[in-house]
Every structure is written in structure tokens, then in C-alpha cells.
Amino acid sequence: MVYLTLSIEGEVDDARRNAIDVAVSRQGGTAVWRASAASPRSYALLELPEQHDREIIAAAAGGTLYDRTIIALALFPAIREALPQLTEALTGPGGAAGVLAAYPCDGGVIVEWDPSATPAAVVLALVDVELRRFRSGRTAELLTPISPSVAATVAAAGLQAPQIEARRILELRVENA
């Protein structure tokens, strides 16, 4: 199986969501959706067989279709004046290589990145360094569903426990049982 991530501007209506779900299921795949009231974007994690027709899915979806699992976070600094500099730090010439896009949202910024290119800790450290200049804290909301392997990688890094892997995460095993 392979994972693709779909990023769509705005809230996906039922007809469009159904068209995407049908295109994915006809190829033997599944879609897991996530939307947030705080975000002007919708996301889906698509699990598909190795042999699939990406163009059929892209045509049904519109939006941006990434050929991997990405992470999207909505970041809300406590001090709004930090937003322009935060966005520049994420997307400008000194930003992390894995950052794919950044979008404004009410009171924050949505950052999409490839966790295989840039670990979550690097992106969050970059954000926190920039916010320290303003003595600002932040809140964050995960916007994308993520694959089991990415969840395990993030957990292993965050907990400093390299033995964590997808097959050892109870919630993933129960969910797939």
C-alpha cells in the first residue's frame, strides 16, 4: 500500500467528497478525512494499492495531491504580530527544506511539510525560535490524518524511544483489527 495526501482549499461538500471517495475506492483504496473549523482547508489521507491511477484521483479531487504522507499543522501564535515573520521563517530562504506550503488562517498560519524530508521537531523548533523574538507562545492543531509509519516516527522522535514502530502501537493495531 502507498499513501497520498490530499489538500483542498475550503470545506469539501458532500458531492465532491463522495466523488473523491468513489474514485479512491474503485482503485481498491480508502480515504480518511479531516477538517477543522479553525482551518480554511480540508485534508484526506488516501491509502491505495501500489498500482493505482493517480490522474483519476487528481481529476476528482482538485486541490493539491501529494505523493506521500505530509503533516499539516495550524499554528496560532499568542501574539498576532508574529504572524508575518513566522510565515517568512517557514517559507523564506532560511526555511526548512521539507516545507511544502504555508497558508494564512484566522489568527494563524497553516504549514504543510514532508516529514521524511524535515522532522516535526525541526519545524516546531523553527517556529518556536521565531516566536521567542516576540515572547509569544503558540497553540497548534494537527489538520492531516497521518499514516501509521509517520505516526510511529513522530512518536519515536518525540518520546526519544527509537524502538517505537507502527506494528507496536496498540491503537493502530486495534483500529486495524
C-alpha atoms as a PDB file:
ATOM      1  CA  MET A   1       0.000   0.000   0.000  1.00  0.00           C
ATOM      2  CA  VAL A   2       1.021   3.589  -0.621  1.00  0.00           C
ATOM      3  CA  TYR A   3      -0.203   6.798   0.953  1.00  0.00           C
ATOM      4  CA  LEU A   4      -1.112  10.064  -0.733  1.00  0.00           C
ATOM      5  CA  THR A   5      -2.275  13.234   0.981  1.00  0.00           C
ATOM      6  CA  LEU A   6      -4.924  15.486  -0.477  1.00  0.00           C
ATOM      7  CA  SER A   7      -5.016  19.181   0.484  1.00  0.00           C
ATOM      8  CA  ILE A   8      -8.085  21.143  -0.611  1.00  0.00           C
ATOM      9  CA  GLU A   9      -8.882  24.787  -0.058  1.00  0.00           C
ATOM     10  CA  GLY A  10     -12.110  25.285   1.901  1.00  0.00           C
ATOM     11  CA  GLU A  11     -14.634  22.837   3.227  1.00  0.00           C
ATOM     12  CA  VAL A  12     -15.369  19.901   0.940  1.00  0.00           C
ATOM     13  CA  ASP A  13     -19.092  19.499   0.229  1.00  0.00           C
ATOM     14  CA  ASP A  14     -20.739  16.062   0.294  1.00  0.00           C
ATOM     15  CA  ALA A  15     -20.897  15.680  -3.501  1.00  0.00           C
ATOM     16  CA  ARG A  16     -17.191  16.410  -4.001  1.00  0.00           C
ATOM     17  CA  ARG A  17     -16.192  14.241  -1.052  1.00  0.00           C
ATOM     18  CA  ASN A  18     -18.300  11.377  -2.408  1.00  0.00           C
ATOM     19  CA  ALA A  19     -16.730  11.729  -5.875  1.00  0.00           C
ATOM     20  CA  ILE A  20     -13.245  11.509  -4.344  1.00  0.00           C
ATOM     21  CA  ASP A  21     -14.210   8.556  -2.135  1.00  0.00           C
ATOM     22  CA  VAL A  22     -15.652   6.710  -5.162  1.00  0.00           C
ATOM     23  CA  ALA A  23     -12.516   7.384  -7.264  1.00  0.00           C
ATOM     24  CA  VAL A  24     -10.332   6.053  -4.449  1.00  0.00           C
ATOM     25  CA  SER A  25     -12.488   3.004  -3.631  1.00  0.00           C
ATOM     26  CA  ARG A  26     -12.733   1.984  -7.309  1.00  0.00           C
ATOM     27  CA  GLN A  27      -8.975   1.590  -7.213  1.00  0.00           C
ATOM     28  CA  GLY A  28      -9.080  -0.539  -4.070  1.00  0.00           C
ATOM     29  CA  GLY A  29      -8.216   2.281  -1.685  1.00  0.00           C
ATOM     30  CA  THR A  30      -9.644   4.131   1.283  1.00  0.00           C
ATOM     31  CA  ALA A  31      -9.780   7.785   2.278  1.00  0.00           C
ATOM     32  CA  VAL A  32      -9.621   9.172   5.811  1.00  0.00           C
ATOM     33  CA  TRP A  33     -10.830  12.771   6.034  1.00  0.00           C
ATOM     34  CA  ARG A  34     -10.099  15.539   8.490  1.00  0.00           C
ATOM     35  CA  ALA A  35     -11.456  19.068   8.520  1.00  0.00           C
ATOM     36  CA  SER A  36     -11.191  21.762  11.149  1.00  0.00           C
ATOM     37  CA  ALA A  37     -13.354  24.766  11.920  1.00  0.00           C
ATOM     38  CA  ALA A  38     -10.152  26.728  12.576  1.00  0.00           C
ATOM     39  CA  SER A  39      -8.745  25.925   9.148  1.00  0.00           C
ATOM     40  CA  PRO A  40      -9.839  27.046   5.697  1.00  0.00           C
ATOM     41  CA  ARG A  41      -8.572  23.711   4.281  1.00  0.00           C
ATOM     42  CA  SER A  42      -9.655  20.071   4.195  1.00  0.00           C
ATOM     43  CA  TYR A  43      -7.353  17.063   4.138  1.00  0.00           C
ATOM     44  CA  ALA A  44      -7.593  13.389   3.252  1.00  0.00           C
ATOM     45  CA  LEU A  45      -5.090  10.583   3.657  1.00  0.00           C
ATOM     46  CA  LEU A  46      -5.518   8.144   0.792  1.00  0.00           C
ATOM     47  CA  GLU A  47      -4.359   4.552   1.177  1.00  0.00           C
ATOM     48  CA  LEU A  48      -4.023   2.904  -2.224  1.00  0.00           C
ATOM     49  CA  PRO A  49      -2.520  -0.214  -3.762  1.00  0.00           C
ATOM     50  CA  GLU A  50       0.911   0.197  -5.359  1.00  0.00           C
ATOM     51  CA  GLN A  51      -0.721   0.135  -8.806  1.00  0.00           C
ATOM     52  CA  HIS A  52      -3.226   2.992  -8.955  1.00  0.00           C
ATOM     53  CA  ASP A  53      -4.133   5.735 -11.395  1.00  0.00           C
ATOM     54  CA  ARG A  54      -3.125   8.994  -9.735  1.00  0.00           C
ATOM     55  CA  GLU A  55      -4.661  11.075 -12.533  1.00  0.00           C
ATOM     56  CA  ILE A  56      -8.190   9.737 -11.902  1.00  0.00           C
ATOM     57  CA  ILE A  57      -7.938  10.714  -8.250  1.00  0.00           C
ATOM     58  CA  ALA A  58      -6.381  14.105  -9.047  1.00  0.00           C
ATOM     59  CA  ALA A  59      -9.179  14.852 -11.533  1.00  0.00           C
ATOM     60  CA  ALA A  60     -11.882  14.022  -8.977  1.00  0.00           C
ATOM     61  CA  ALA A  61     -10.155  15.883  -6.174  1.00  0.00           C
ATOM     62  CA  GLY A  62      -8.875  19.168  -7.471  1.00  0.00           C
ATOM     63  CA  GLY A  63      -6.647  20.680  -4.793  1.00  0.00           C
ATOM     64  CA  THR A  64      -3.087  19.504  -4.231  1.00  0.00           C
ATOM     65  CA  LEU A  65      -2.325  15.789  -4.256  1.00  0.00           C
ATOM     66  CA  TYR A  66       0.967  14.888  -2.590  1.00  0.00           C
ATOM     67  CA  ASP A  67       2.537  11.516  -3.417  1.00  0.00           C
ATOM     68  CA  ARG A  68       3.263  10.801   0.244  1.00  0.00           C
ATOM     69  CA  THR A  69       2.026  11.413   3.752  1.00  0.00           C
ATOM     70  CA  ILE A  70       2.506  15.037   4.732  1.00  0.00           C
ATOM     71  CA  ILE A  71       1.830  16.787   8.004  1.00  0.00           C
ATOM     72  CA  ALA A  72      -0.243  19.953   8.136  1.00  0.00           C
ATOM     73  CA  LEU A  73      -0.421  21.990  11.330  1.00  0.00           C
ATOM     74  CA  ALA A  74      -2.395  25.116  12.046  1.00  0.00           C
ATOM     75  CA  LEU A  75      -0.152  27.255  14.238  1.00  0.00           C
ATOM     76  CA  PHE A  76      -1.617  30.082  16.299  1.00  0.00           C
ATOM     77  CA  PRO A  77       0.860  32.433  17.973  1.00  0.00           C
ATOM     78  CA  ALA A  78      -0.328  34.133  21.148  1.00  0.00           C
ATOM     79  CA  ILE A  79       0.886  37.442  19.697  1.00  0.00           C
ATOM     80  CA  ARG A  80      -0.566  38.034  16.229  1.00  0.00           C
ATOM     81  CA  GLU A  81       2.166  40.491  15.274  1.00  0.00           C
ATOM     82  CA  ALA A  82       4.462  37.469  14.948  1.00  0.00           C
ATOM     83  CA  LEU A  83       2.479  36.020  12.022  1.00  0.00           C
ATOM     84  CA  PRO A  84       4.271  37.740   9.100  1.00  0.00           C
ATOM     85  CA  GLN A  85       7.703  36.835  10.451  1.00  0.00           C
ATOM     86  CA  LEU A  86       6.578  33.312  11.293  1.00  0.00           C
ATOM     87  CA  THR A  87       5.281  32.783   7.760  1.00  0.00           C
ATOM     88  CA  GLU A  88       8.514  34.177   6.310  1.00  0.00           C
ATOM     89  CA  ALA A  89      10.600  31.903   8.559  1.00  0.00           C
ATOM     90  CA  LEU A  90       8.651  28.871   7.335  1.00  0.00           C
ATOM     91  CA  THR A  91       8.609  29.679   3.628  1.00  0.00           C
ATOM     92  CA  GLY A  92      11.520  32.052   3.081  1.00  0.00           C
ATOM     93  CA  PRO A  93      15.060  31.226   2.018  1.00  0.00           C
ATOM     94  CA  GLY A  94      16.068  30.138   5.541  1.00  0.00           C
ATOM     95  CA  GLY A  95      13.070  27.846   5.976  1.00  0.00           C
ATOM     96  CA  ALA A  96      13.171  24.098   6.360  1.00  0.00           C
ATOM     97  CA  ALA A  97      13.670  22.146   3.131  1.00  0.00           C
ATOM     98  CA  GLY A  98      10.635  19.943   3.740  1.00  0.00           C
ATOM     99  CA  VAL A  99       8.127  22.798   3.973  1.00  0.00           C
ATOM    100  CA  LEU A 100       5.799  22.455   1.002  1.00  0.00           C
ATOM    101  CA  ALA A 101       3.349  25.309   1.588  1.00  0.00           C
ATOM    102  CA  ALA A 102       2.045  27.794   4.117  1.00  0.00           C
ATOM    103  CA  TYR A 103      -1.416  29.349   4.107  1.00  0.00           C
ATOM    104  CA  PRO A 104      -2.900  32.073   6.279  1.00  0.00           C
ATOM    105  CA  CYS A 105      -5.814  31.228   8.526  1.00  0.00           C
ATOM    106  CA  ASP A 106      -7.719  33.285  11.077  1.00  0.00           C
ATOM    107  CA  GLY A 107      -5.130  34.206  13.706  1.00  0.00           C
ATOM    108  CA  GLY A 108      -2.527  31.771  12.440  1.00  0.00           C
ATOM    109  CA  VAL A 109      -0.735  30.005   9.645  1.00  0.00           C
ATOM    110  CA  ILE A 110      -1.123  26.513   8.232  1.00  0.00           C
ATOM    111  CA  VAL A 111       2.155  24.829   7.388  1.00  0.00           C
ATOM    112  CA  GLU A 112       2.347  21.695   5.237  1.00  0.00           C
ATOM    113  CA  TRP A 113       5.579  19.722   5.199  1.00  0.00           C
ATOM    114  CA  ASP A 114       7.106  16.414   4.259  1.00  0.00           C
ATOM    115  CA  PRO A 115       8.144  14.644   7.478  1.00  0.00           C
ATOM    116  CA  SER A 116      10.533  12.392   5.552  1.00  0.00           C
ATOM    117  CA  ALA A 117      12.498  15.499   4.485  1.00  0.00           C
ATOM    118  CA  THR A 118      12.205  17.525   7.699  1.00  0.00           C
ATOM    119  CA  PRO A 119      11.313  16.036  11.091  1.00  0.00           C
ATOM    120  CA  ALA A 120       8.477  17.594  13.076  1.00  0.00           C
ATOM    121  CA  ALA A 121      10.945  18.637  15.782  1.00  0.00           C
ATOM    122  CA  VAL A 122      12.841  20.814  13.286  1.00  0.00           C
ATOM    123  CA  VAL A 123       9.695  22.574  12.046  1.00  0.00           C
ATOM    124  CA  LEU A 124       8.449  23.186  15.587  1.00  0.00           C
ATOM    125  CA  ALA A 125      11.884  24.385  16.736  1.00  0.00           C
ATOM    126  CA  LEU A 126      11.965  26.841  13.828  1.00  0.00           C
ATOM    127  CA  VAL A 127       8.509  28.115  14.836  1.00  0.00           C
ATOM    128  CA  ASP A 128       9.469  28.423  18.500  1.00  0.00           C
ATOM    129  CA  VAL A 129      12.723  30.269  17.731  1.00  0.00           C
ATOM    130  CA  GLU A 130      10.814  32.801  15.675  1.00  0.00           C
ATOM    131  CA  LEU A 131       8.090  33.208  18.315  1.00  0.00           C
ATOM    132  CA  ARG A 132      10.672  33.750  21.076  1.00  0.00           C
ATOM    133  CA  ARG A 133      11.590  37.024  19.376  1.00  0.00           C
ATOM    134  CA  PHE A 134       8.067  38.185  20.256  1.00  0.00           C
ATOM    135  CA  ARG A 135       7.915  36.414  23.625  1.00  0.00           C
ATOM    136  CA  SER A 136       4.969  34.536  22.184  1.00  0.00           C
ATOM    137  CA  GLY A 137       3.683  31.082  22.896  1.00  0.00           C
ATOM    138  CA  ARG A 138       1.645  29.085  20.408  1.00  0.00           C
ATOM    139  CA  THR A 139      -1.076  26.553  20.072  1.00  0.00           C
ATOM    140  CA  ALA A 140      -1.167  24.022  17.275  1.00  0.00           C
ATOM    141  CA  GLU A 141      -3.759  21.779  15.694  1.00  0.00           C
ATOM    142  CA  LEU A 142      -2.952  18.743  13.567  1.00  0.00           C
ATOM    143  CA  LEU A 143      -5.006  19.034  10.391  1.00  0.00           C
ATOM    144  CA  THR A 144      -3.990  15.950   8.417  1.00  0.00           C
ATOM    145  CA  PRO A 145      -4.647  12.334   9.151  1.00  0.00           C
ATOM    146  CA  ILE A 146      -1.236  10.634   9.090  1.00  0.00           C
ATOM    147  CA  SER A 147      -0.105   7.162   8.113  1.00  0.00           C
ATOM    148  CA  PRO A 148       0.879   4.616  10.781  1.00  0.00           C
ATOM    149  CA  SER A 149       4.553   4.798   9.818  1.00  0.00           C
ATOM    150  CA  VAL A 150       4.632   8.605  10.143  1.00  0.00           C
ATOM    151  CA  ALA A 151       2.766   8.416  13.470  1.00  0.00           C
ATOM    152  CA  ALA A 152       5.350   5.939  14.744  1.00  0.00           C
ATOM    153  CA  THR A 153       8.267   8.061  13.519  1.00  0.00           C
ATOM    154  CA  VAL A 154       6.910  11.211  15.193  1.00  0.00           C
ATOM    155  CA  ALA A 155       6.169   9.334  18.424  1.00  0.00           C
ATOM    156  CA  ALA A 156       9.605   7.692  18.475  1.00  0.00           C
ATOM    157  CA  ALA A 157      11.342  11.033  17.985  1.00  0.00           C
ATOM    158  CA  GLY A 158       9.156  12.921  20.456  1.00  0.00           C
ATOM    159  CA  LEU A 159       9.478  10.287  23.173  1.00  0.00           C
ATOM    160  CA  GLN A 160      13.136   9.560  22.356  1.00  0.00           C
ATOM    161  CA  ALA A 161      12.206   5.905  22.034  1.00  0.00           C
ATOM    162  CA  PRO A 162      13.581   4.548  18.748  1.00  0.00           C
ATOM    163  CA  GLN A 163      12.012   1.142  19.414  1.00  0.00           C
ATOM    164  CA  ILE A 164       8.553   2.579  18.672  1.00  0.00           C
ATOM    165  CA  GLU A 165       7.305   1.405  15.294  1.00  0.00           C
ATOM    166  CA  ALA A 166       3.859   1.160  13.726  1.00  0.00           C
ATOM    167  CA  ARG A 167       3.396  -2.543  14.468  1.00  0.00           C
ATOM    168  CA  ARG A 168       3.993  -1.864  18.189  1.00  0.00           C
ATOM    169  CA  ILE A 169       1.411   0.934  18.612  1.00  0.00           C
ATOM    170  CA  LEU A 170      -1.642  -0.605  20.254  1.00  0.00           C
ATOM    171  CA  GLU A 171      -4.097   1.998  18.921  1.00  0.00           C
ATOM    172  CA  LEU A 172      -3.070   1.237  15.357  1.00  0.00           C
ATOM    173  CA  ARG A 173      -3.347  -2.495  15.879  1.00  0.00           C
ATOM    174  CA  VAL A 174      -6.806  -2.264  17.472  1.00  0.00           C
ATOM    175  CA  GLU A 175      -8.012   0.147  14.789  1.00  0.00           C
ATOM    176  CA  ASN A 176      -6.938  -2.270  12.055  1.00  0.00           C
ATOM    177  CA  ALA A 177      -8.282  -5.400  13.782  1.00  0.00           C
END
